[in-house]
Amino acid sequence: MTEKRNILTIKALAELASVRQPPCLSLYQPTHRHRPETQQDPIRFRNLVKELETLLRQKYPAAETQLILEPFEALAHDHDFWIHTLDGLAATYRY
């Protein structure tokens, strides 16, 4: 398995806080370490992504919304990721 987790550093926090053009999205979700709770984590994540899509479509065309959400959708369908979660997930998108 390819390691996908990054350590949050002061430098990374500063970069995240820097001014960017909209849209800037953050999605936070508690996750679980053990079955059967882990089976619900990707479902909850996909539901949160649907909420993001609803909000984005209020300001952006459907095609642009789909491009913005591609990384979130890819994560939602990454089986290897979801079987190795710990206590929480933070996913961000910056333009």
N, C-alpha and C. Protein backbone atom coordinates (compact mmCIF):
# COMPACT_ATOMS: atom_id res chain seq x y z
N MET A 1 0.84 -1.18 0.00
CA MET A 1 0.00 0.00 0.00
C MET A 1 0.88 1.24 0.00
N THR A 2 0.52 2.20 -0.79
CA THR A 2 1.22 3.47 -0.82
C THR A 2 0.77 4.31 0.36
N GLU A 3 1.72 4.87 1.08
CA GLU A 3 1.40 5.70 2.24
C GLU A 3 0.80 7.01 1.76
N LYS A 4 -0.42 7.34 2.21
CA LYS A 4 -1.12 8.53 1.76
C LYS A 4 -1.28 9.57 2.85
N ARG A 5 -0.87 9.26 4.05
CA ARG A 5 -1.04 10.20 5.15
C ARG A 5 0.15 11.16 5.20
N ASN A 6 -0.13 12.41 5.46
CA ASN A 6 0.91 13.43 5.61
C ASN A 6 0.86 13.96 7.03
N ILE A 7 2.02 14.31 7.55
CA ILE A 7 2.08 14.93 8.86
C ILE A 7 1.80 16.42 8.69
N LEU A 8 0.92 16.94 9.53
CA LEU A 8 0.57 18.35 9.48
C LEU A 8 1.65 19.14 10.21
N THR A 9 2.37 19.98 9.47
CA THR A 9 3.46 20.77 10.04
C THR A 9 3.06 22.23 10.10
N ILE A 10 3.86 23.02 10.80
CA ILE A 10 3.62 24.46 10.86
C ILE A 10 3.67 25.05 9.45
N LYS A 11 4.61 24.59 8.64
CA LYS A 11 4.72 25.08 7.27
C LYS A 11 3.46 24.73 6.47
N ALA A 12 2.96 23.52 6.64
CA ALA A 12 1.75 23.11 5.94
C ALA A 12 0.55 23.94 6.38
N LEU A 13 0.45 24.21 7.69
CA LEU A 13 -0.64 25.05 8.19
C LEU A 13 -0.57 26.46 7.62
N ALA A 14 0.63 27.02 7.54
CA ALA A 14 0.79 28.36 6.98
C ALA A 14 0.37 28.38 5.52
N GLU A 15 0.73 27.34 4.79
CA GLU A 15 0.34 27.26 3.38
C GLU A 15 -1.17 27.15 3.24
N LEU A 16 -1.79 26.34 4.08
CA LEU A 16 -3.24 26.20 4.04
C LEU A 16 -3.96 27.50 4.36
N ALA A 17 -3.36 28.29 5.26
CA ALA A 17 -3.99 29.54 5.68
C ALA A 17 -3.74 30.69 4.72
N SER A 18 -2.83 30.52 3.78
CA SER A 18 -2.53 31.61 2.86
C SER A 18 -3.73 31.90 1.97
N VAL A 19 -3.80 33.11 1.49
CA VAL A 19 -4.94 33.56 0.70
C VAL A 19 -4.94 32.85 -0.65
N ARG A 20 -6.06 32.31 -1.02
CA ARG A 20 -6.26 31.64 -2.30
C ARG A 20 -7.55 32.16 -2.92
N GLN A 21 -7.69 31.89 -4.20
CA GLN A 21 -8.94 32.23 -4.87
C GLN A 21 -9.98 31.17 -4.53
N PRO A 22 -11.22 31.58 -4.44
CA PRO A 22 -12.27 30.59 -4.19
C PRO A 22 -12.42 29.65 -5.39
N PRO A 23 -12.94 28.50 -5.22
CA PRO A 23 -13.43 27.94 -3.97
C PRO A 23 -12.31 27.26 -3.18
N CYS A 24 -12.41 27.35 -1.89
CA CYS A 24 -11.53 26.62 -0.98
C CYS A 24 -12.45 25.74 -0.12
N LEU A 25 -12.24 24.47 -0.17
CA LEU A 25 -13.12 23.54 0.53
C LEU A 25 -12.36 22.76 1.58
N SER A 26 -13.00 22.51 2.68
CA SER A 26 -12.45 21.64 3.73
C SER A 26 -13.56 20.70 4.17
N LEU A 27 -13.21 19.45 4.30
CA LEU A 27 -14.16 18.44 4.73
C LEU A 27 -13.51 17.69 5.89
N TYR A 28 -14.18 17.69 7.03
CA TYR A 28 -13.67 17.03 8.23
C TYR A 28 -14.65 15.94 8.64
N GLN A 29 -14.11 14.77 8.99
CA GLN A 29 -14.97 13.67 9.36
C GLN A 29 -14.28 12.76 10.37
N PRO A 30 -14.96 12.41 11.45
CA PRO A 30 -14.39 11.39 12.32
C PRO A 30 -14.42 10.05 11.59
N THR A 31 -13.41 9.22 11.81
CA THR A 31 -13.38 7.89 11.21
C THR A 31 -13.11 6.87 12.31
N HIS A 32 -13.14 5.62 11.94
CA HIS A 32 -13.01 4.54 12.91
C HIS A 32 -11.86 3.63 12.55
N ARG A 33 -11.31 2.97 13.56
CA ARG A 33 -10.17 2.08 13.36
C ARG A 33 -10.58 0.63 13.12
N HIS A 34 -11.77 0.25 13.52
CA HIS A 34 -12.15 -1.16 13.49
C HIS A 34 -13.52 -1.37 12.85
N ARG A 35 -13.68 -2.59 12.33
CA ARG A 35 -14.97 -2.99 11.79
C ARG A 35 -15.93 -3.22 12.94
N PRO A 36 -17.18 -3.10 12.83
CA PRO A 36 -17.93 -2.80 11.62
C PRO A 36 -18.07 -1.31 11.35
N GLU A 37 -17.64 -0.45 12.31
CA GLU A 37 -17.81 1.00 12.14
C GLU A 37 -17.09 1.52 10.89
N THR A 38 -15.95 0.91 10.54
CA THR A 38 -15.19 1.39 9.38
C THR A 38 -15.99 1.30 8.09
N GLN A 39 -16.94 0.38 8.04
CA GLN A 39 -17.73 0.21 6.82
C GLN A 39 -18.63 1.42 6.54
N GLN A 40 -18.97 2.16 7.57
CA GLN A 40 -19.82 3.33 7.39
C GLN A 40 -19.04 4.59 7.00
N ASP A 41 -17.74 4.61 7.25
CA ASP A 41 -16.93 5.81 6.99
C ASP A 41 -16.98 6.27 5.54
N PRO A 42 -16.76 5.40 4.53
CA PRO A 42 -16.82 5.89 3.15
C PRO A 42 -18.22 6.34 2.74
N ILE A 43 -19.24 5.73 3.32
CA ILE A 43 -20.62 6.14 3.02
C ILE A 43 -20.86 7.54 3.55
N ARG A 44 -20.43 7.77 4.78
CA ARG A 44 -20.58 9.12 5.36
C ARG A 44 -19.79 10.15 4.56
N PHE A 45 -18.60 9.76 4.12
CA PHE A 45 -17.78 10.67 3.32
C PHE A 45 -18.49 11.02 2.01
N ARG A 46 -19.03 10.02 1.31
CA ARG A 46 -19.74 10.30 0.05
C ARG A 46 -20.94 11.21 0.29
N ASN A 47 -21.62 11.04 1.42
CA ASN A 47 -22.74 11.93 1.74
C ASN A 47 -22.26 13.37 1.96
N LEU A 48 -21.12 13.54 2.61
CA LEU A 48 -20.56 14.88 2.79
C LEU A 48 -20.15 15.49 1.45
N VAL A 49 -19.62 14.67 0.55
CA VAL A 49 -19.25 15.15 -0.78
C VAL A 49 -20.50 15.60 -1.54
N LYS A 50 -21.60 14.89 -1.38
CA LYS A 50 -22.86 15.30 -2.01
C LYS A 50 -23.31 16.66 -1.48
N GLU A 51 -23.12 16.88 -0.18
CA GLU A 51 -23.46 18.19 0.39
C GLU A 51 -22.57 19.28 -0.20
N LEU A 52 -21.28 18.99 -0.36
CA LEU A 52 -20.38 19.96 -1.01
C LEU A 52 -20.86 20.26 -2.42
N GLU A 53 -21.25 19.22 -3.14
CA GLU A 53 -21.72 19.42 -4.51
C GLU A 53 -22.94 20.33 -4.55
N THR A 54 -23.87 20.11 -3.65
CA THR A 54 -25.07 20.95 -3.59
C THR A 54 -24.70 22.41 -3.35
N LEU A 55 -23.79 22.64 -2.42
CA LEU A 55 -23.36 24.02 -2.13
C LEU A 55 -22.61 24.63 -3.32
N LEU A 56 -21.73 23.87 -3.93
CA LEU A 56 -20.95 24.40 -5.06
C LEU A 56 -21.85 24.74 -6.25
N ARG A 57 -22.86 23.94 -6.50
CA ARG A 57 -23.74 24.18 -7.65
C ARG A 57 -24.56 25.46 -7.51
N GLN A 58 -24.60 26.01 -6.31
CA GLN A 58 -25.27 27.29 -6.12
C GLN A 58 -24.45 28.44 -6.71
N LYS A 59 -23.13 28.24 -6.85
CA LYS A 59 -22.25 29.31 -7.34
C LYS A 59 -21.50 28.97 -8.62
N TYR A 60 -21.35 27.67 -8.94
CA TYR A 60 -20.51 27.25 -10.06
C TYR A 60 -21.28 26.34 -11.00
N PRO A 61 -20.92 26.37 -12.28
CA PRO A 61 -21.57 25.48 -13.24
C PRO A 61 -21.28 24.01 -12.89
N ALA A 62 -22.15 23.12 -13.35
CA ALA A 62 -22.03 21.70 -13.05
C ALA A 62 -20.68 21.13 -13.49
N ALA A 63 -20.20 21.52 -14.66
CA ALA A 63 -18.93 20.98 -15.16
C ALA A 63 -17.77 21.39 -14.25
N GLU A 64 -17.77 22.63 -13.81
CA GLU A 64 -16.70 23.10 -12.91
C GLU A 64 -16.82 22.42 -11.55
N THR A 65 -18.04 22.26 -11.08
CA THR A 65 -18.26 21.57 -9.81
C THR A 65 -17.69 20.16 -9.86
N GLN A 66 -17.94 19.44 -10.96
CA GLN A 66 -17.44 18.08 -11.09
C GLN A 66 -15.91 18.05 -11.08
N LEU A 67 -15.26 19.01 -11.74
CA LEU A 67 -13.80 19.06 -11.72
C LEU A 67 -13.27 19.31 -10.31
N ILE A 68 -13.91 20.20 -9.60
CA ILE A 68 -13.49 20.52 -8.24
C ILE A 68 -13.61 19.29 -7.34
N LEU A 69 -14.67 18.53 -7.54
CA LEU A 69 -14.94 17.39 -6.66
C LEU A 69 -14.21 16.11 -7.05
N GLU A 70 -13.53 16.09 -8.18
CA GLU A 70 -12.84 14.87 -8.61
C GLU A 70 -11.92 14.27 -7.55
N PRO A 71 -11.07 15.07 -6.88
CA PRO A 71 -10.21 14.45 -5.85
C PRO A 71 -11.00 13.84 -4.69
N PHE A 72 -12.10 14.48 -4.31
CA PHE A 72 -12.94 13.95 -3.24
C PHE A 72 -13.60 12.64 -3.68
N GLU A 73 -14.07 12.61 -4.93
CA GLU A 73 -14.69 11.40 -5.46
C GLU A 73 -13.67 10.26 -5.54
N ALA A 74 -12.46 10.58 -5.96
CA ALA A 74 -11.42 9.54 -6.04
C ALA A 74 -11.15 8.96 -4.66
N LEU A 75 -11.07 9.81 -3.65
CA LEU A 75 -10.85 9.34 -2.29
C LEU A 75 -12.02 8.49 -1.80
N ALA A 76 -13.22 8.90 -2.15
CA ALA A 76 -14.41 8.15 -1.72
C ALA A 76 -14.39 6.72 -2.24
N HIS A 77 -13.76 6.49 -3.38
CA HIS A 77 -13.74 5.16 -3.99
C HIS A 77 -12.41 4.44 -3.83
N ASP A 78 -11.54 4.95 -2.98
CA ASP A 78 -10.23 4.33 -2.73
C ASP A 78 -10.35 3.32 -1.59
N HIS A 79 -10.59 2.09 -1.93
CA HIS A 79 -10.82 1.03 -0.94
C HIS A 79 -9.63 0.89 0.02
N ASP A 80 -8.42 0.92 -0.49
CA ASP A 80 -7.24 0.77 0.37
C ASP A 80 -7.17 1.86 1.43
N PHE A 81 -7.53 3.07 1.06
CA PHE A 81 -7.53 4.16 2.03
C PHE A 81 -8.51 3.87 3.18
N TRP A 82 -9.71 3.47 2.84
CA TRP A 82 -10.76 3.32 3.83
C TRP A 82 -10.54 2.14 4.77
N ILE A 83 -9.73 1.17 4.40
CA ILE A 83 -9.50 0.06 5.33
C ILE A 83 -8.33 0.35 6.28
N HIS A 84 -7.70 1.51 6.12
CA HIS A 84 -6.56 1.86 6.97
C HIS A 84 -6.74 3.22 7.64
N THR A 85 -7.96 3.60 7.97
CA THR A 85 -8.18 4.90 8.61
C THR A 85 -7.89 4.82 10.10
N LEU A 86 -7.68 5.98 10.68
CA LEU A 86 -7.45 6.06 12.12
C LEU A 86 -8.65 6.75 12.77
N ASP A 87 -8.44 7.92 13.37
CA ASP A 87 -9.51 8.55 14.15
C ASP A 87 -10.21 9.71 13.45
N GLY A 88 -9.71 10.15 12.32
CA GLY A 88 -10.35 11.26 11.65
C GLY A 88 -9.75 11.53 10.29
N LEU A 89 -10.43 12.36 9.53
CA LEU A 89 -10.03 12.69 8.16
C LEU A 89 -10.24 14.18 7.94
N ALA A 90 -9.26 14.81 7.32
CA ALA A 90 -9.39 16.21 6.89
C ALA A 90 -8.98 16.23 5.42
N ALA A 91 -9.90 16.64 4.56
CA ALA A 91 -9.63 16.73 3.13
C ALA A 91 -9.88 18.17 2.70
N THR A 92 -8.95 18.74 1.93
CA THR A 92 -9.09 20.13 1.51
C THR A 92 -8.89 20.24 0.00
N TYR A 93 -9.47 21.29 -0.56
CA TYR A 93 -9.27 21.64 -1.97
C TYR A 93 -9.02 23.14 -2.01
N ARG A 94 -7.96 23.50 -2.71
CA ARG A 94 -7.66 24.93 -2.92
C ARG A 94 -7.41 25.13 -4.40
N TYR A 95 -7.91 26.24 -4.91
CA TYR A 95 -7.68 26.56 -6.32
C TYR A 95 -6.29 27.08 -6.49
